[in-house]
Amino acid sequence: MKKVSSITILLLLMVFAITCLGCSGNLLTSLQESPVTISTEEIKDLKDNLELTLKLPSLNGMKDETLQQDINNRFRSTFKQRQTEMMAEREEMEKEAEQYQFELNPFALATDYMVTYNNHGLLSLYIDQYEYTGGAHGMTYRRPYNIDLKDGSDIKLADVFKPDSNYKVVIDKAIQAEIAKNPEGYFESEMGFQGIGDDQFFTLQPGGITIYFQLYDIAPYAFGIPEFKIPFSQLGNMVNPDLQKRLD
């Protein structure tokens, strides 16, 4: 009787251990897929007639600190490189200004960002980059980032869909339908919308994507940055099911 009880207790302990291991695994997965903490890194500087005002996303608390640092460096490097380029451009223009006797206003480089999705190991955001290098007005460029936080890989637009699906045709039709609602706001004929490209800018959001175009791409400057929100329900069954689950 004691032997049977001992065996029963041993089996119960084994079941408990396996159950706890499963719970631990689920907890680990939950922690890995929970939203990552994002703070704002601010960089301000005024040097060599270039005013720098950067607000950049900074990831915090990721278990893989090396991956976290790599992603944060991606956010910084593009704009630090642009700072170097603009300083070189400024130097060249100052030579011309001295030669032809005209005044230069200070250059400016500023950024801000918007997070559109942060859950289930997916991070999607865009950084708006404003720069002024003279002329009537500055220019703003939108730089989207779609990152799988499991390994830091970039998510391309094609990754959102099943292989060999005709997603471009469906997205083009959706964009054309939106443009048709306000055609006077967009360029016409060859200057207008000609279809999305393989490297089309986009971000992820719950239940869909948003397609972006830069200033002057398909509309006048005054129109701003054209964007088109397209729900997955409009894209039929061509959406990558694994990615779609992570965006619910």
C-alpha atoms as a PDB file:
ATOM      1  CA  MET A   1       0.000   0.000   0.000  1.00  0.00           C
ATOM      2  CA  LYS A   2       2.856   2.325   0.905  1.00  0.00           C
ATOM      3  CA  LYS A   3       4.588   1.320  -2.369  1.00  0.00           C
ATOM      4  CA  VAL A   4       1.522   2.246  -4.396  1.00  0.00           C
ATOM      5  CA  SER A   5       1.258   5.563  -2.565  1.00  0.00           C
ATOM      6  CA  SER A   6       4.904   6.324  -3.247  1.00  0.00           C
ATOM      7  CA  ILE A   7       4.478   5.605  -6.952  1.00  0.00           C
ATOM      8  CA  THR A   8       1.328   7.739  -7.028  1.00  0.00           C
ATOM      9  CA  ILE A   9       3.089  10.612  -5.330  1.00  0.00           C
ATOM     10  CA  LEU A  10       6.042  10.300  -7.738  1.00  0.00           C
ATOM     11  CA  LEU A  11       3.721  10.400 -10.745  1.00  0.00           C
ATOM     12  CA  LEU A  12       1.924  13.429  -9.347  1.00  0.00           C
ATOM     13  CA  LEU A  13       5.231  15.202  -8.826  1.00  0.00           C
ATOM     14  CA  MET A  14       6.268  14.432 -12.411  1.00  0.00           C
ATOM     15  CA  VAL A  15       2.977  15.747 -13.778  1.00  0.00           C
ATOM     16  CA  PHE A  16       3.339  18.856 -11.628  1.00  0.00           C
ATOM     17  CA  ALA A  17       6.883  19.424 -12.846  1.00  0.00           C
ATOM     18  CA  ILE A  18       5.886  19.035 -16.505  1.00  0.00           C
ATOM     19  CA  THR A  19       2.913  21.339 -15.968  1.00  0.00           C
ATOM     20  CA  CYS A  20       5.087  23.975 -14.331  1.00  0.00           C
ATOM     21  CA  LEU A  21       7.630  23.670 -17.129  1.00  0.00           C
ATOM     22  CA  GLY A  22       4.846  24.275 -19.610  1.00  0.00           C
ATOM     23  CA  CYS A  23       3.663  27.247 -17.598  1.00  0.00           C
ATOM     24  CA  SER A  24       7.181  28.604 -17.500  1.00  0.00           C
ATOM     25  CA  GLY A  25       7.481  28.233 -21.249  1.00  0.00           C
ATOM     26  CA  ASN A  26       4.195  30.007 -21.825  1.00  0.00           C
ATOM     27  CA  LEU A  27       5.223  32.790 -19.492  1.00  0.00           C
ATOM     28  CA  LEU A  28       8.513  33.184 -21.336  1.00  0.00           C
ATOM     29  CA  THR A  29       6.722  33.365 -24.664  1.00  0.00           C
ATOM     30  CA  SER A  30       4.283  35.908 -23.250  1.00  0.00           C
ATOM     31  CA  LEU A  31       7.128  38.069 -22.010  1.00  0.00           C
ATOM     32  CA  GLN A  32       8.915  37.892 -25.337  1.00  0.00           C
ATOM     33  CA  GLU A  33       5.802  38.855 -27.271  1.00  0.00           C
ATOM     34  CA  SER A  34       4.580  41.632 -25.004  1.00  0.00           C
ATOM     35  CA  PRO A  35       4.982  45.221 -26.223  1.00  0.00           C
ATOM     36  CA  VAL A  36       8.542  46.480 -26.026  1.00  0.00           C
ATOM     37  CA  THR A  37       9.143  49.616 -23.976  1.00  0.00           C
ATOM     38  CA  ILE A  38       9.885  52.647 -26.163  1.00  0.00           C
ATOM     39  CA  SER A  39      11.242  55.927 -24.859  1.00  0.00           C
ATOM     40  CA  THR A  40      12.217  59.062 -26.768  1.00  0.00           C
ATOM     41  CA  GLU A  41      15.870  59.940 -27.257  1.00  0.00           C
ATOM     42  CA  GLU A  42      16.284  63.674 -27.848  1.00  0.00           C
ATOM     43  CA  ILE A  43      19.374  65.089 -29.530  1.00  0.00           C
ATOM     44  CA  LYS A  44      19.764  68.852 -29.848  1.00  0.00           C
ATOM     45  CA  ASP A  45      22.735  70.688 -31.280  1.00  0.00           C
ATOM     46  CA  LEU A  46      23.578  73.871 -33.131  1.00  0.00           C
ATOM     47  CA  LYS A  47      26.928  73.735 -34.838  1.00  0.00           C
ATOM     48  CA  ASP A  48      28.303  75.130 -38.097  1.00  0.00           C
ATOM     49  CA  ASN A  49      24.930  76.729 -38.912  1.00  0.00           C
ATOM     50  CA  LEU A  50      23.111  73.399 -38.711  1.00  0.00           C
ATOM     51  CA  GLU A  51      20.346  73.190 -36.128  1.00  0.00           C
ATOM     52  CA  LEU A  52      19.750  69.610 -35.044  1.00  0.00           C
ATOM     53  CA  THR A  53      16.535  68.652 -33.234  1.00  0.00           C
ATOM     54  CA  LEU A  54      16.079  64.900 -33.231  1.00  0.00           C
ATOM     55  CA  LYS A  55      13.430  62.854 -31.451  1.00  0.00           C
ATOM     56  CA  LEU A  56      14.142  59.166 -32.026  1.00  0.00           C
ATOM     57  CA  PRO A  57      12.629  55.958 -30.639  1.00  0.00           C
ATOM     58  CA  SER A  58      14.770  54.050 -28.175  1.00  0.00           C
ATOM     59  CA  LEU A  59      13.875  50.459 -27.239  1.00  0.00           C
ATOM     60  CA  ASN A  60      14.345  49.413 -23.628  1.00  0.00           C
ATOM     61  CA  GLY A  61      14.102  46.223 -21.582  1.00  0.00           C
ATOM     62  CA  MET A  62      14.575  43.654 -24.347  1.00  0.00           C
ATOM     63  CA  LYS A  63      16.100  40.373 -23.171  1.00  0.00           C
ATOM     64  CA  ASP A  64      18.527  40.393 -26.083  1.00  0.00           C
ATOM     65  CA  GLU A  65      20.451  43.559 -25.301  1.00  0.00           C
ATOM     66  CA  THR A  66      22.712  43.152 -28.339  1.00  0.00           C
ATOM     67  CA  LEU A  67      19.701  43.038 -30.662  1.00  0.00           C
ATOM     68  CA  GLN A  68      18.162  45.979 -28.832  1.00  0.00           C
ATOM     69  CA  GLN A  69      21.317  48.038 -29.341  1.00  0.00           C
ATOM     70  CA  ASP A  70      21.468  47.064 -33.018  1.00  0.00           C
ATOM     71  CA  ILE A  71      17.886  48.230 -33.621  1.00  0.00           C
ATOM     72  CA  ASN A  72      18.457  51.496 -31.750  1.00  0.00           C
ATOM     73  CA  ASN A  73      21.577  52.104 -33.813  1.00  0.00           C
ATOM     74  CA  ARG A  74      19.514  51.666 -36.975  1.00  0.00           C
ATOM     75  CA  PHE A  75      17.251  54.486 -35.856  1.00  0.00           C
ATOM     76  CA  ARG A  76      20.198  56.767 -35.131  1.00  0.00           C
ATOM     77  CA  SER A  77      22.616  55.994 -37.961  1.00  0.00           C
ATOM     78  CA  THR A  78      20.465  57.251 -40.850  1.00  0.00           C
ATOM     79  CA  PHE A  79      20.065  60.695 -39.306  1.00  0.00           C
ATOM     80  CA  LYS A  80      23.586  61.014 -38.000  1.00  0.00           C
ATOM     81  CA  GLN A  81      24.785  60.240 -41.517  1.00  0.00           C
ATOM     82  CA  ARG A  82      22.415  62.850 -42.926  1.00  0.00           C
ATOM     83  CA  GLN A  83      23.809  65.360 -40.410  1.00  0.00           C
ATOM     84  CA  THR A  84      27.309  64.752 -41.777  1.00  0.00           C
ATOM     85  CA  GLU A  85      26.083  65.124 -45.365  1.00  0.00           C
ATOM     86  CA  MET A  86      24.252  68.366 -44.614  1.00  0.00           C
ATOM     87  CA  MET A  87      27.314  69.849 -42.941  1.00  0.00           C
ATOM     88  CA  ALA A  88      29.313  69.118 -46.098  1.00  0.00           C
ATOM     89  CA  GLU A  89      26.547  70.658 -48.251  1.00  0.00           C
ATOM     90  CA  ARG A  90      26.523  73.715 -46.020  1.00  0.00           C
ATOM     91  CA  GLU A  91      30.268  74.170 -46.433  1.00  0.00           C
ATOM     92  CA  GLU A  92      29.940  74.094 -50.236  1.00  0.00           C
ATOM     93  CA  MET A  93      27.049  76.563 -50.236  1.00  0.00           C
ATOM     94  CA  GLU A  94      28.940  78.948 -47.972  1.00  0.00           C
ATOM     95  CA  LYS A  95      31.690  79.072 -50.588  1.00  0.00           C
ATOM     96  CA  GLU A  96      29.111  79.944 -53.249  1.00  0.00           C
ATOM     97  CA  ALA A  97      27.484  82.536 -50.980  1.00  0.00           C
ATOM     98  CA  GLU A  98      30.816  84.217 -50.449  1.00  0.00           C
ATOM     99  CA  GLN A  99      31.598  84.140 -54.162  1.00  0.00           C
ATOM    100  CA  TYR A 100      28.208  85.447 -55.351  1.00  0.00           C
ATOM    101  CA  GLN A 101      27.454  87.656 -52.343  1.00  0.00           C
ATOM    102  CA  PHE A 102      24.194  86.220 -50.991  1.00  0.00           C
ATOM    103  CA  GLU A 103      23.107  85.314 -47.480  1.00  0.00           C
ATOM    104  CA  LEU A 104      22.386  81.823 -46.200  1.00  0.00           C
ATOM    105  CA  ASN A 105      19.864  80.915 -43.530  1.00  0.00           C
ATOM    106  CA  PRO A 106      20.890  78.233 -41.022  1.00  0.00           C
ATOM    107  CA  PHE A 107      20.217  74.654 -42.128  1.00  0.00           C
ATOM    108  CA  ALA A 108      17.907  72.512 -40.005  1.00  0.00           C
ATOM    109  CA  LEU A 109      17.412  68.784 -39.459  1.00  0.00           C
ATOM    110  CA  ALA A 110      14.578  67.571 -37.222  1.00  0.00           C
ATOM    111  CA  THR A 111      12.825  64.256 -36.639  1.00  0.00           C
ATOM    112  CA  ASP A 112       9.818  62.907 -34.803  1.00  0.00           C
ATOM    113  CA  TYR A 113       8.207  59.467 -34.858  1.00  0.00           C
ATOM    114  CA  MET A 114       4.937  57.586 -34.561  1.00  0.00           C
ATOM    115  CA  VAL A 115       4.499  53.959 -33.439  1.00  0.00           C
ATOM    116  CA  THR A 116       1.737  52.205 -35.395  1.00  0.00           C
ATOM    117  CA  TYR A 117       2.108  48.697 -33.926  1.00  0.00           C
ATOM    118  CA  ASN A 118       3.989  47.209 -30.972  1.00  0.00           C
ATOM    119  CA  ASN A 119       2.851  43.740 -29.912  1.00  0.00           C
ATOM    120  CA  HIS A 120       3.397  40.015 -30.431  1.00  0.00           C
ATOM    121  CA  GLY A 121       7.061  40.522 -31.296  1.00  0.00           C
ATOM    122  CA  LEU A 122       6.312  42.989 -34.098  1.00  0.00           C
ATOM    123  CA  LEU A 123       7.294  46.648 -34.124  1.00  0.00           C
ATOM    124  CA  SER A 124       6.112  49.074 -36.776  1.00  0.00           C
ATOM    125  CA  LEU A 125       6.739  52.808 -36.753  1.00  0.00           C
ATOM    126  CA  TYR A 126       7.756  55.690 -38.965  1.00  0.00           C
ATOM    127  CA  ILE A 127      10.176  58.538 -38.455  1.00  0.00           C
ATOM    128  CA  ASP A 128       9.413  61.854 -40.136  1.00  0.00           C
ATOM    129  CA  GLN A 129      12.599  63.657 -41.147  1.00  0.00           C
ATOM    130  CA  TYR A 130      12.361  67.401 -41.793  1.00  0.00           C
ATOM    131  CA  GLU A 131      15.280  69.229 -43.320  1.00  0.00           C
ATOM    132  CA  TYR A 132      15.824  72.766 -44.501  1.00  0.00           C
ATOM    133  CA  THR A 133      18.739  73.565 -46.796  1.00  0.00           C
ATOM    134  CA  GLY A 134      17.543  76.864 -48.209  1.00  0.00           C
ATOM    135  CA  GLY A 135      14.761  77.754 -50.592  1.00  0.00           C
ATOM    136  CA  ALA A 136      11.104  78.565 -50.066  1.00  0.00           C
ATOM    137  CA  HIS A 137      10.412  75.699 -47.656  1.00  0.00           C
ATOM    138  CA  GLY A 138      11.912  72.606 -46.123  1.00  0.00           C
ATOM    139  CA  MET A 139      11.188  68.984 -47.025  1.00  0.00           C
ATOM    140  CA  THR A 140       9.809  66.158 -44.933  1.00  0.00           C
ATOM    141  CA  TYR A 141      10.638  62.522 -45.660  1.00  0.00           C
ATOM    142  CA  ARG A 142       8.849  59.609 -44.015  1.00  0.00           C
ATOM    143  CA  ARG A 143      10.959  56.556 -43.151  1.00  0.00           C
ATOM    144  CA  PRO A 144       8.940  53.488 -42.051  1.00  0.00           C
ATOM    145  CA  TYR A 145      10.458  50.632 -40.034  1.00  0.00           C
ATOM    146  CA  ASN A 146       8.793  47.220 -39.780  1.00  0.00           C
ATOM    147  CA  ILE A 147      10.819  44.924 -37.546  1.00  0.00           C
ATOM    148  CA  ASP A 148      10.398  41.362 -36.298  1.00  0.00           C
ATOM    149  CA  LEU A 149      11.743  41.643 -32.754  1.00  0.00           C
ATOM    150  CA  LYS A 150      12.450  37.915 -32.553  1.00  0.00           C
ATOM    151  CA  ASP A 151      15.536  38.321 -34.712  1.00  0.00           C
ATOM    152  CA  GLY A 152      15.615  41.983 -35.749  1.00  0.00           C
ATOM    153  CA  SER A 153      14.838  41.258 -39.411  1.00  0.00           C
ATOM    154  CA  ASP A 154      13.076  43.817 -41.581  1.00  0.00           C
ATOM    155  CA  ILE A 155       9.588  42.919 -42.784  1.00  0.00           C
ATOM    156  CA  LYS A 156       9.144  43.679 -46.479  1.00  0.00           C
ATOM    157  CA  LEU A 157       5.765  44.349 -48.049  1.00  0.00           C
ATOM    158  CA  ALA A 158       5.961  40.980 -49.838  1.00  0.00           C
ATOM    159  CA  ASP A 159       6.369  39.270 -46.437  1.00  0.00           C
ATOM    160  CA  VAL A 160       2.895  40.457 -45.448  1.00  0.00           C
ATOM    161  CA  PHE A 161       1.380  38.268 -48.169  1.00  0.00           C
ATOM    162  CA  LYS A 162       1.424  34.661 -49.292  1.00  0.00           C
ATOM    163  CA  PRO A 163       4.027  33.793 -51.944  1.00  0.00           C
ATOM    164  CA  ASP A 164       2.988  34.436 -55.557  1.00  0.00           C
ATOM    165  CA  SER A 165      -0.129  36.383 -54.558  1.00  0.00           C
ATOM    166  CA  ASN A 166      -1.174  39.356 -56.691  1.00  0.00           C
ATOM    167  CA  TYR A 167      -1.224  41.749 -53.756  1.00  0.00           C
ATOM    168  CA  LYS A 168       0.136  44.629 -55.842  1.00  0.00           C
ATOM    169  CA  VAL A 169      -2.883  44.551 -58.138  1.00  0.00           C
ATOM    170  CA  VAL A 170      -5.327  44.575 -55.217  1.00  0.00           C
ATOM    171  CA  ILE A 171      -3.465  47.373 -53.388  1.00  0.00           C
ATOM    172  CA  ASP A 172      -3.238  49.428 -56.593  1.00  0.00           C
ATOM    173  CA  LYS A 173      -7.004  49.161 -57.052  1.00  0.00           C
ATOM    174  CA  ALA A 174      -7.618  50.201 -53.441  1.00  0.00           C
ATOM    175  CA  ILE A 175      -5.369  53.253 -53.834  1.00  0.00           C
ATOM    176  CA  GLN A 176      -6.927  54.201 -57.174  1.00  0.00           C
ATOM    177  CA  ALA A 177     -10.375  54.023 -55.563  1.00  0.00           C
ATOM    178  CA  GLU A 178      -9.267  56.426 -52.808  1.00  0.00           C
ATOM    179  CA  ILE A 179      -7.677  58.824 -55.292  1.00  0.00           C
ATOM    180  CA  ALA A 180     -10.897  58.822 -57.306  1.00  0.00           C
ATOM    181  CA  LYS A 181     -12.701  60.301 -54.283  1.00  0.00           C
ATOM    182  CA  ASN A 182     -10.508  63.415 -54.443  1.00  0.00           C
ATOM    183  CA  PRO A 183      -8.806  63.440 -57.875  1.00  0.00           C
ATOM    184  CA  GLU A 184      -8.085  67.186 -57.834  1.00  0.00           C
ATOM    185  CA  GLY A 185      -5.704  66.634 -54.932  1.00  0.00           C
ATOM    186  CA  TYR A 186      -3.339  64.422 -56.926  1.00  0.00           C
ATOM    187  CA  PHE A 187      -1.138  64.706 -59.991  1.00  0.00           C
ATOM    188  CA  GLU A 188      -2.571  63.375 -63.237  1.00  0.00           C
ATOM    189  CA  SER A 189      -1.287  61.116 -66.050  1.00  0.00           C
ATOM    190  CA  GLU A 190       2.396  60.118 -65.891  1.00  0.00           C
ATOM    191  CA  MET A 191       3.054  62.358 -62.861  1.00  0.00           C
ATOM    192  CA  GLY A 192       0.307  60.648 -60.877  1.00  0.00           C
ATOM    193  CA  PHE A 193      -0.021  57.266 -59.236  1.00  0.00           C
ATOM    194  CA  GLN A 194       1.480  54.502 -61.384  1.00  0.00           C
ATOM    195  CA  GLY A 195       1.264  51.582 -58.969  1.00  0.00           C
ATOM    196  CA  ILE A 196       3.216  50.493 -55.910  1.00  0.00           C
ATOM    197  CA  GLY A 197       6.783  49.198 -56.113  1.00  0.00           C
ATOM    198  CA  ASP A 198       8.642  46.288 -54.544  1.00  0.00           C
ATOM    199  CA  ASP A 199      10.217  48.641 -51.997  1.00  0.00           C
ATOM    200  CA  GLN A 200       6.999  50.509 -51.258  1.00  0.00           C
ATOM    201  CA  PHE A 201       6.917  52.339 -47.924  1.00  0.00           C
ATOM    202  CA  PHE A 202       4.339  50.978 -45.475  1.00  0.00           C
ATOM    203  CA  THR A 203       3.606  50.361 -41.820  1.00  0.00           C
ATOM    204  CA  LEU A 204       1.626  47.712 -39.978  1.00  0.00           C
ATOM    205  CA  GLN A 205      -1.368  48.312 -37.750  1.00  0.00           C
ATOM    206  CA  PRO A 206      -3.987  46.086 -36.099  1.00  0.00           C
ATOM    207  CA  GLY A 207      -5.881  44.402 -38.895  1.00  0.00           C
ATOM    208  CA  GLY A 208      -4.141  46.029 -41.853  1.00  0.00           C
ATOM    209  CA  ILE A 209      -1.388  48.103 -43.414  1.00  0.00           C
ATOM    210  CA  THR A 210      -0.850  51.729 -44.424  1.00  0.00           C
ATOM    211  CA  ILE A 211       0.891  52.599 -47.695  1.00  0.00           C
ATOM    212  CA  TYR A 212       2.911  55.850 -47.846  1.00  0.00           C
ATOM    213  CA  PHE A 213       4.279  58.053 -50.608  1.00  0.00           C
ATOM    214  CA  GLN A 214       6.797  60.860 -50.215  1.00  0.00           C
ATOM    215  CA  LEU A 215       6.064  64.515 -50.889  1.00  0.00           C
ATOM    216  CA  TYR A 216       5.724  65.223 -54.622  1.00  0.00           C
ATOM    217  CA  ASP A 217       5.538  61.495 -55.473  1.00  0.00           C
ATOM    218  CA  ILE A 218       1.893  61.538 -56.557  1.00  0.00           C
ATOM    219  CA  ALA A 219       0.566  64.865 -55.221  1.00  0.00           C
ATOM    220  CA  PRO A 220       1.615  68.513 -54.774  1.00  0.00           C
ATOM    221  CA  TYR A 221       3.615  69.607 -51.725  1.00  0.00           C
ATOM    222  CA  ALA A 222       0.576  71.263 -50.139  1.00  0.00           C
ATOM    223  CA  PHE A 223      -1.235  67.905 -50.057  1.00  0.00           C
ATOM    224  CA  GLY A 224       1.273  66.537 -47.556  1.00  0.00           C
ATOM    225  CA  ILE A 225       2.444  62.930 -47.344  1.00  0.00           C
ATOM    226  CA  PRO A 226      -0.155  60.722 -49.068  1.00  0.00           C
ATOM    227  CA  GLU A 227      -1.159  57.679 -47.031  1.00  0.00           C
ATOM    228  CA  PHE A 228      -3.659  54.911 -47.699  1.00  0.00           C
ATOM    229  CA  LYS A 229      -4.966  52.623 -44.954  1.00  0.00           C
ATOM    230  CA  ILE A 230      -5.917  49.214 -46.291  1.00  0.00           C
ATOM    231  CA  PRO A 231      -7.603  46.666 -43.980  1.00  0.00           C
ATOM    232  CA  PHE A 232      -6.787  42.990 -44.402  1.00  0.00           C
ATOM    233  CA  SER A 233     -10.489  42.370 -45.023  1.00  0.00           C
ATOM    234  CA  GLN A 234     -10.020  44.210 -48.307  1.00  0.00           C
ATOM    235  CA  LEU A 235      -7.148  41.934 -49.321  1.00  0.00           C
ATOM    236  CA  GLY A 236      -9.007  38.633 -49.224  1.00  0.00           C
ATOM    237  CA  ASN A 237      -7.133  35.443 -48.349  1.00  0.00           C
ATOM    238  CA  MET A 238      -3.763  36.529 -49.725  1.00  0.00           C
ATOM    239  CA  VAL A 239      -2.441  37.820 -46.378  1.00  0.00           C
ATOM    240  CA  ASN A 240       0.272  35.767 -44.663  1.00  0.00           C
ATOM    241  CA  PRO A 241      -1.767  33.949 -41.966  1.00  0.00           C
ATOM    242  CA  ASP A 242       1.090  33.819 -39.436  1.00  0.00           C
ATOM    243  CA  LEU A 243       1.678  37.549 -39.669  1.00  0.00           C
ATOM    244  CA  GLN A 244      -2.038  38.299 -39.631  1.00  0.00           C
ATOM    245  CA  LYS A 245      -2.435  36.416 -36.322  1.00  0.00           C
ATOM    246  CA  ARG A 246       0.320  38.528 -34.791  1.00  0.00           C
ATOM    247  CA  LEU A 247      -1.514  41.690 -35.894  1.00  0.00           C
ATOM    248  CA  ASP A 248      -4.856  40.824 -34.338  1.00  0.00           C
END
